[in-house]
Amino acid sequence: MNVKQHIQLQPYNSFRTKARAKLFCEPGSVEELSKVLRIYPDEPKLVIGSGCNLFFTKDFDGLVIHPAMRGICLLSENDSTVELEAAAGEDWDDFVNYCVKKGYAGIENLSLIPGTVGAAPIQNIGAYGTEVKDAIVRVHTVNKNTGKPETFSAEACEFGYRDSIFKRTRQHIVTSVVFRLSKSFAYMEKYADLNRELASVAYPSLQQVREAIIRIRRCKLPDPAELPNAGSFFKNPLLTMEEKERLLTKLPDAPIYPIGTDKFKTSAAFLIEKAGYKGKRNESVGIYERHALIIVNYATENGSDIIDFMEEVQQAVDEKFGILLEPEVRIY
């Protein structure tokens, strides 16, 4: 495995901001990953997948690891379920497509989410009423500090809303993920957008649901290859009962969703739009005109410009509604 020096990271983040890595490698196996961790024990380390949920504001003075493990393996199956192991470097949507074509249900609602399989459990990606944690059985990793393989059960992953133990500690590099999926499928109405898209289909198939979600996402979301962005920039805020009531006095039509006991979720996109920022832009950065949750890069290679605009949006929402939006995107 070749460890390169002073590599430009602009191609490795979907915002296309410029920065250089002191060291850069693409391990193709667990053994290669363990080896490079042993060779460079004292270097700061950053693991990146497809770079669709991060951007850079400065050079990274350490080792950037871009896992390149590939492969999908059927581990077991019975009359109702299958267990598949997918390597961390596999493209996420390619994996979803593979499962749908095989007739394996459980992650079809996560179609067209950019990124890699290895990034999916870190962020606990979710869309249209599904979170990836619902399909994960275990996650195989390598400990960043020791170079030794470690396996986490789904429970040990400590999944939360766009969260996991891997995201909080950054001590483990995902090398593969094991999923349990169903061999049968029946569409259940959850989201209005998806219901409308499938209104003319009496009993939607797995493939039809995937295709509907792809159409919706392509209509609402900009292609990072054409308009650099990192998808949903902010998390949907979680509110206490008191915070919920305070928000409803200011915005009676605010969408509110119960989350467990005495916790509620509202829409960051709704708040940004009500703050007047949907479609707003400065010279180089702005909010996408079709979706208020997406910051887009029109003309800058400097990550600090994105930070400045992010803070402007945060301040506007906080001043109007008393809610400080938290970035979902990782910033370096």
Protein backbone atom coordinates (compact mmCIF):
# COMPACT_ATOMS: atom_id res chain seq x y z
CA MET A 1 0.00 0.00 0.00
CA ASN A 2 1.35 3.39 -1.04
CA VAL A 3 1.18 6.20 1.54
CA LYS A 4 1.26 9.49 -0.37
CA GLN A 5 2.33 12.91 0.82
CA HIS A 6 0.76 16.37 0.44
CA ILE A 7 -2.36 15.18 -1.37
CA GLN A 8 -5.00 17.71 -2.45
CA LEU A 9 -8.31 16.87 -0.73
CA GLN A 10 -10.60 18.90 -2.99
CA PRO A 11 -11.69 15.76 -4.93
CA TYR A 12 -12.48 14.01 -1.64
CA ASN A 13 -15.16 16.38 -0.31
CA SER A 14 -18.41 17.16 -2.10
CA PHE A 15 -18.24 20.87 -1.22
CA ARG A 16 -15.00 20.93 -3.24
CA THR A 17 -13.08 23.07 -0.76
CA LYS A 18 -9.30 23.03 -1.04
CA ALA A 19 -6.97 21.57 1.59
CA ARG A 20 -3.97 19.27 1.62
CA ALA A 21 -3.30 16.14 3.64
CA LYS A 22 0.18 15.66 5.02
CA LEU A 23 -0.25 11.89 4.45
CA PHE A 24 -2.90 9.97 2.50
CA CYS A 25 -3.62 6.26 2.02
CA GLU A 26 -6.31 3.95 0.63
CA PRO A 27 -6.15 0.58 2.44
CA GLY A 28 -7.84 -2.22 0.51
CA SER A 29 -8.05 -4.70 3.38
CA VAL A 30 -8.24 -4.92 7.15
CA GLU A 31 -4.61 -6.08 7.17
CA GLU A 32 -3.44 -3.05 5.20
CA LEU A 33 -5.39 -0.73 7.47
CA SER A 34 -3.94 -2.30 10.61
CA LYS A 35 -0.45 -2.04 9.16
CA VAL A 36 -0.66 1.65 8.32
CA LEU A 37 -2.01 2.41 11.80
CA ARG A 38 0.98 0.63 13.33
CA ILE A 39 3.43 2.48 11.06
CA TYR A 40 2.01 5.91 11.92
CA PRO A 41 0.90 5.63 15.56
CA ASP A 42 1.48 9.28 16.44
CA GLU A 43 -0.05 11.01 13.42
CA PRO A 44 -3.49 12.62 13.81
CA LYS A 45 -5.89 10.56 11.72
CA LEU A 46 -8.96 11.39 9.68
CA VAL A 47 -11.10 8.75 7.98
CA ILE A 48 -13.13 9.80 4.95
CA GLY A 49 -15.56 7.91 2.73
CA SER A 50 -16.97 9.67 -0.31
CA GLY A 51 -16.67 13.03 1.46
CA CYS A 52 -20.40 13.77 1.15
CA ASN A 53 -20.81 14.83 4.77
CA LEU A 54 -17.71 16.92 5.42
CA PHE A 55 -15.61 19.76 4.12
CA PHE A 56 -12.25 21.37 4.85
CA THR A 57 -11.35 24.84 6.04
CA LYS A 58 -7.60 24.18 6.35
CA ASP A 59 -4.91 21.61 5.62
CA PHE A 60 -4.93 18.39 7.61
CA ASP A 61 -1.61 17.90 9.39
CA GLY A 62 -1.77 14.13 9.72
CA LEU A 63 -2.86 10.91 8.02
CA VAL A 64 -6.05 10.85 5.95
CA ILE A 65 -7.39 7.31 5.49
CA HIS A 66 -9.73 6.58 2.59
CA PRO A 67 -10.88 2.95 3.04
CA ALA A 68 -11.02 1.07 -0.27
CA MET A 69 -12.35 -2.33 0.90
CA ARG A 70 -14.86 -3.80 -1.56
CA GLY A 71 -17.25 -6.74 -1.69
CA ILE A 72 -20.73 -7.95 -0.72
CA CYS A 73 -21.09 -11.39 0.85
CA LEU A 74 -24.17 -13.46 1.72
CA LEU A 75 -23.54 -14.77 5.25
CA SER A 76 -26.78 -16.62 5.95
CA GLU A 77 -30.46 -16.86 5.04
CA ASN A 78 -33.67 -18.56 6.06
CA ASP A 79 -37.23 -18.47 4.74
CA SER A 80 -37.80 -14.86 5.84
CA THR A 81 -34.46 -13.02 6.14
CA VAL A 82 -30.93 -12.77 4.81
CA GLU A 83 -27.73 -11.49 6.38
CA LEU A 84 -25.30 -9.67 4.10
CA GLU A 85 -21.85 -8.29 4.85
CA ALA A 86 -20.85 -5.25 2.80
CA ALA A 87 -17.34 -3.79 2.81
CA ALA A 88 -16.83 -0.20 3.95
CA GLY A 89 -15.66 1.08 0.57
CA GLU A 90 -18.78 0.00 -1.30
CA ASP A 91 -20.91 2.85 -2.64
CA TRP A 92 -24.03 3.04 -0.47
CA ASP A 93 -26.59 3.48 -3.24
CA ASP A 94 -24.99 0.71 -5.29
CA PHE A 95 -25.47 -1.55 -2.27
CA VAL A 96 -29.12 -0.50 -1.88
CA ASN A 97 -29.67 -1.17 -5.58
CA TYR A 98 -28.06 -4.60 -5.22
CA CYS A 99 -30.39 -5.48 -2.33
CA VAL A 100 -33.51 -4.24 -4.09
CA LYS A 101 -32.71 -6.22 -7.24
CA LYS A 102 -32.26 -9.32 -5.08
CA GLY A 103 -35.65 -8.66 -3.45
CA TYR A 104 -34.18 -7.89 -0.02
CA ALA A 105 -36.22 -5.25 1.82
CA GLY A 106 -35.30 -2.91 4.65
CA ILE A 107 -33.07 -0.18 3.23
CA GLU A 108 -34.92 0.81 0.04
CA ASN A 109 -36.06 4.08 1.68
CA LEU A 110 -32.40 5.03 1.94
CA SER A 111 -31.96 5.04 -1.84
CA LEU A 112 -29.75 7.69 -3.45
CA ILE A 113 -28.22 8.84 -0.16
CA PRO A 114 -24.64 9.68 -1.13
CA GLY A 115 -21.73 8.06 0.66
CA THR A 116 -20.21 4.69 1.40
CA VAL A 117 -21.34 1.66 3.37
CA GLY A 118 -18.71 2.42 5.99
CA ALA A 119 -20.12 5.88 6.63
CA ALA A 120 -23.73 4.70 6.99
CA PRO A 121 -23.56 3.44 10.61
CA ILE A 122 -21.35 6.32 11.74
CA GLN A 123 -24.01 8.85 10.82
CA ASN A 124 -26.94 6.44 11.29
CA ILE A 125 -28.28 7.71 7.98
CA GLY A 126 -32.03 8.01 7.65
CA ALA A 127 -34.81 9.00 5.27
CA TYR A 128 -38.54 8.45 4.75
CA GLY A 129 -39.14 6.86 8.13
CA THR A 130 -36.16 4.49 7.99
CA GLU A 131 -32.82 4.62 9.79
CA VAL A 132 -29.97 2.34 8.83
CA LYS A 133 -29.73 1.10 12.43
CA ASP A 134 -32.99 -0.80 11.85
CA ALA A 135 -31.18 -3.14 9.45
CA ILE A 136 -27.74 -3.40 11.08
CA VAL A 137 -26.77 -6.57 12.95
CA ARG A 138 -23.13 -5.74 13.68
CA VAL A 139 -20.32 -3.49 12.56
CA HIS A 140 -16.72 -4.62 12.02
CA THR A 141 -14.05 -2.05 12.76
CA VAL A 142 -10.36 -1.52 13.40
CA ASN A 143 -9.37 0.40 16.53
CA LYS A 144 -7.59 3.56 15.42
CA ASN A 145 -5.28 3.50 18.45
CA THR A 146 -4.30 -0.18 18.55
CA GLY A 147 -4.75 -1.29 14.94
CA LYS A 148 -6.72 -4.31 16.18
CA PRO A 149 -10.07 -5.47 14.74
CA GLU A 150 -13.14 -4.99 16.95
CA THR A 151 -16.75 -5.96 16.31
CA PHE A 152 -19.79 -4.08 17.65
CA SER A 153 -23.27 -5.51 18.03
CA ALA A 154 -26.11 -3.22 16.98
CA GLU A 155 -26.77 -2.44 20.64
CA ALA A 156 -23.10 -1.64 21.29
CA CYS A 157 -23.17 0.88 18.42
CA GLU A 158 -25.34 3.14 20.64
CA PHE A 159 -27.30 4.47 17.70
CA GLY A 160 -29.20 7.73 18.06
CA TYR A 161 -30.63 10.34 15.75
CA ARG A 162 -27.84 10.83 13.15
CA ASP A 163 -25.51 9.53 15.81
CA SER A 164 -23.52 6.51 16.98
CA ILE A 165 -20.62 5.59 19.24
CA PHE A 166 -18.38 5.79 16.17
CA LYS A 167 -19.35 9.38 15.50
CA ARG A 168 -18.94 10.43 19.12
CA THR A 169 -15.59 8.80 19.84
CA ARG A 170 -13.92 8.66 16.41
CA GLN A 171 -11.80 5.79 17.74
CA HIS A 172 -12.91 3.08 15.32
CA ILE A 173 -12.63 2.76 11.55
CA VAL A 174 -15.49 0.82 10.00
CA THR A 175 -14.28 -1.96 7.70
CA SER A 176 -17.58 -3.74 6.96
CA VAL A 177 -21.21 -3.83 8.07
CA VAL A 178 -23.57 -6.80 8.47
CA PHE A 179 -27.22 -6.20 7.58
CA ARG A 180 -30.33 -8.32 8.18
CA LEU A 181 -32.95 -7.77 5.48
CA SER A 182 -36.36 -9.23 4.75
CA LYS A 183 -37.11 -11.49 1.80
CA SER A 184 -40.70 -10.21 1.69
CA PHE A 185 -42.04 -6.70 1.19
CA ALA A 186 -45.30 -4.80 1.64
CA TYR A 187 -45.41 -1.03 1.23
CA MET A 188 -46.57 0.90 4.30
CA GLU A 189 -47.65 4.53 3.95
CA LYS A 190 -45.46 6.82 6.06
CA TYR A 191 -44.48 9.97 4.19
CA ALA A 192 -46.82 12.21 2.22
CA ASP A 193 -44.30 12.90 -0.57
CA LEU A 194 -43.75 9.20 -1.14
CA ASN A 195 -47.47 8.42 -0.91
CA ARG A 196 -48.20 11.02 -3.59
CA GLU A 197 -45.46 9.70 -5.85
CA LEU A 198 -46.93 6.19 -5.58
CA ALA A 199 -50.61 7.18 -5.62
CA SER A 200 -51.27 5.55 -8.99
CA VAL A 201 -49.77 2.20 -7.90
CA ALA A 202 -52.09 -0.06 -5.91
CA TYR A 203 -49.42 -2.33 -4.42
CA PRO A 204 -45.98 -0.80 -4.94
CA SER A 205 -43.10 -3.22 -5.39
CA LEU A 206 -39.69 -2.85 -3.78
CA GLN A 207 -38.28 -1.56 -7.06
CA GLN A 208 -41.12 0.92 -7.51
CA VAL A 209 -40.54 2.35 -4.03
CA ARG A 210 -36.83 2.77 -4.75
CA GLU A 211 -37.53 4.45 -8.08
CA ALA A 212 -40.09 6.78 -6.47
CA ILE A 213 -37.62 7.86 -3.79
CA ILE A 214 -34.94 8.47 -6.41
CA ARG A 215 -37.34 10.68 -8.39
CA ILE A 216 -38.26 12.68 -5.28
CA ARG A 217 -34.65 13.15 -4.19
CA ARG A 218 -33.50 14.19 -7.66
CA CYS A 219 -36.30 16.74 -7.84
CA LYS A 220 -35.51 18.26 -4.45
CA LEU A 221 -31.76 17.85 -4.08
CA PRO A 222 -28.90 19.26 -6.15
CA ASP A 223 -26.34 16.91 -7.70
CA PRO A 224 -23.02 17.56 -5.88
CA ALA A 225 -21.18 17.02 -9.18
CA GLU A 226 -23.02 20.00 -10.67
CA LEU A 227 -23.59 22.17 -7.58
CA PRO A 228 -21.21 21.30 -4.72
CA ASN A 229 -23.00 20.55 -1.44
CA ALA A 230 -23.03 18.07 1.42
CA GLY A 231 -26.73 17.24 1.51
CA SER A 232 -28.64 18.13 4.67
CA PHE A 233 -26.39 20.66 6.36
CA PHE A 234 -28.21 20.95 9.71
CA LYS A 235 -29.77 18.42 12.03
CA ASN A 236 -33.50 18.62 12.70
CA PRO A 237 -33.66 20.14 16.21
CA LEU A 238 -34.74 18.01 19.17
CA LEU A 239 -36.92 19.92 21.61
CA THR A 240 -38.07 19.58 25.19
CA MET A 241 -41.74 20.08 26.01
CA GLU A 242 -41.00 23.66 27.07
CA GLU A 243 -39.03 24.41 23.91
CA LYS A 244 -41.80 22.92 21.77
CA GLU A 245 -44.46 25.11 23.39
CA ARG A 246 -42.28 28.20 23.04
CA LEU A 247 -41.74 27.48 19.34
CA LEU A 248 -45.46 26.98 18.73
CA THR A 249 -46.25 30.39 20.21
CA LYS A 250 -43.98 31.91 17.54
CA LEU A 251 -44.76 29.47 14.73
CA PRO A 252 -48.16 27.80 15.28
CA ASP A 253 -47.78 25.83 12.04
CA ALA A 254 -44.34 24.43 12.90
CA PRO A 255 -44.16 20.68 12.21
CA ILE A 256 -43.72 18.77 15.47
CA TYR A 257 -42.98 15.06 15.77
CA PRO A 258 -42.93 13.19 19.12
CA ILE A 259 -39.64 11.40 19.82
CA GLY A 260 -39.93 9.09 22.84
CA THR A 261 -41.05 10.58 26.15
CA ASP A 262 -41.21 14.37 26.45
CA LYS A 263 -38.96 14.88 23.41
CA PHE A 264 -39.98 16.35 20.08
CA LYS A 265 -38.39 16.95 16.70
CA THR A 266 -39.05 19.86 14.37
CA SER A 267 -37.88 20.70 10.87
CA ALA A 268 -34.66 22.66 10.40
CA ALA A 269 -35.66 23.33 6.78
CA PHE A 270 -38.95 24.86 7.96
CA LEU A 271 -37.17 27.15 10.41
CA ILE A 272 -34.63 28.26 7.81
CA GLU A 273 -37.36 28.99 5.29
CA LYS A 274 -39.40 30.95 7.87
CA ALA A 275 -36.25 32.92 8.72
CA GLY A 276 -36.19 34.04 5.08
CA TYR A 277 -33.15 32.09 3.92
CA LYS A 278 -34.55 29.62 1.39
CA GLY A 279 -32.92 30.51 -1.92
CA LYS A 280 -30.85 33.30 -0.33
CA ARG A 281 -27.19 33.55 -1.32
CA ASN A 282 -24.17 35.78 -1.17
CA GLU A 283 -21.55 35.86 -3.90
CA SER A 284 -20.27 32.32 -3.42
CA VAL A 285 -22.48 30.41 -0.93
CA GLY A 286 -26.23 30.10 -0.43
CA ILE A 287 -29.29 28.04 0.48
CA TYR A 288 -30.61 25.86 -2.33
CA GLU A 289 -33.77 27.31 -3.86
CA ARG A 290 -35.68 24.00 -3.75
CA HIS A 291 -34.65 22.82 -0.28
CA ALA A 292 -33.90 25.06 2.69
CA LEU A 293 -31.77 22.46 4.47
CA ILE A 294 -29.04 22.45 1.85
CA ILE A 295 -26.18 24.91 1.71
CA VAL A 296 -24.63 25.02 -1.75
CA ASN A 297 -21.25 26.21 -2.94
CA TYR A 298 -21.60 28.43 -6.00
CA ALA A 299 -18.07 29.75 -6.42
CA THR A 300 -15.60 29.24 -3.58
CA GLU A 301 -12.73 26.88 -2.81
CA ASN A 302 -12.37 28.29 0.70
CA GLY A 303 -14.21 26.40 3.46
CA SER A 304 -14.23 29.50 5.66
CA ASP A 305 -16.75 31.09 3.29
CA ILE A 306 -19.13 28.22 4.01
CA ILE A 307 -18.56 28.61 7.76
CA ASP A 308 -19.40 32.33 7.56
CA PHE A 309 -22.68 31.64 5.77
CA MET A 310 -23.54 28.78 8.14
CA GLU A 311 -23.13 31.09 11.12
CA GLU A 312 -25.29 33.73 9.44
CA VAL A 313 -28.12 31.20 9.04
CA GLN A 314 -27.71 29.95 12.62
CA GLN A 315 -27.88 33.48 13.98
CA ALA A 316 -30.99 34.33 11.98
CA VAL A 317 -32.90 31.23 13.14
CA ASP A 318 -31.77 31.67 16.76
CA GLU A 319 -32.80 35.33 16.86
CA LYS A 320 -36.25 34.62 15.41
CA PHE A 321 -37.15 31.34 17.09
CA GLY A 322 -34.71 30.74 19.96
CA ILE A 323 -33.30 27.56 18.42
CA LEU A 324 -29.61 27.13 17.58
CA LEU A 325 -29.24 24.81 14.61
CA GLU A 326 -26.54 22.19 14.90
CA PRO A 327 -24.52 21.21 11.80
CA GLU A 328 -24.92 17.65 10.59
CA VAL A 329 -21.92 18.13 8.31
CA ARG A 330 -18.42 17.53 9.70
CA ILE A 331 -16.11 20.54 9.47
CA TYR A 332 -12.32 20.37 9.45
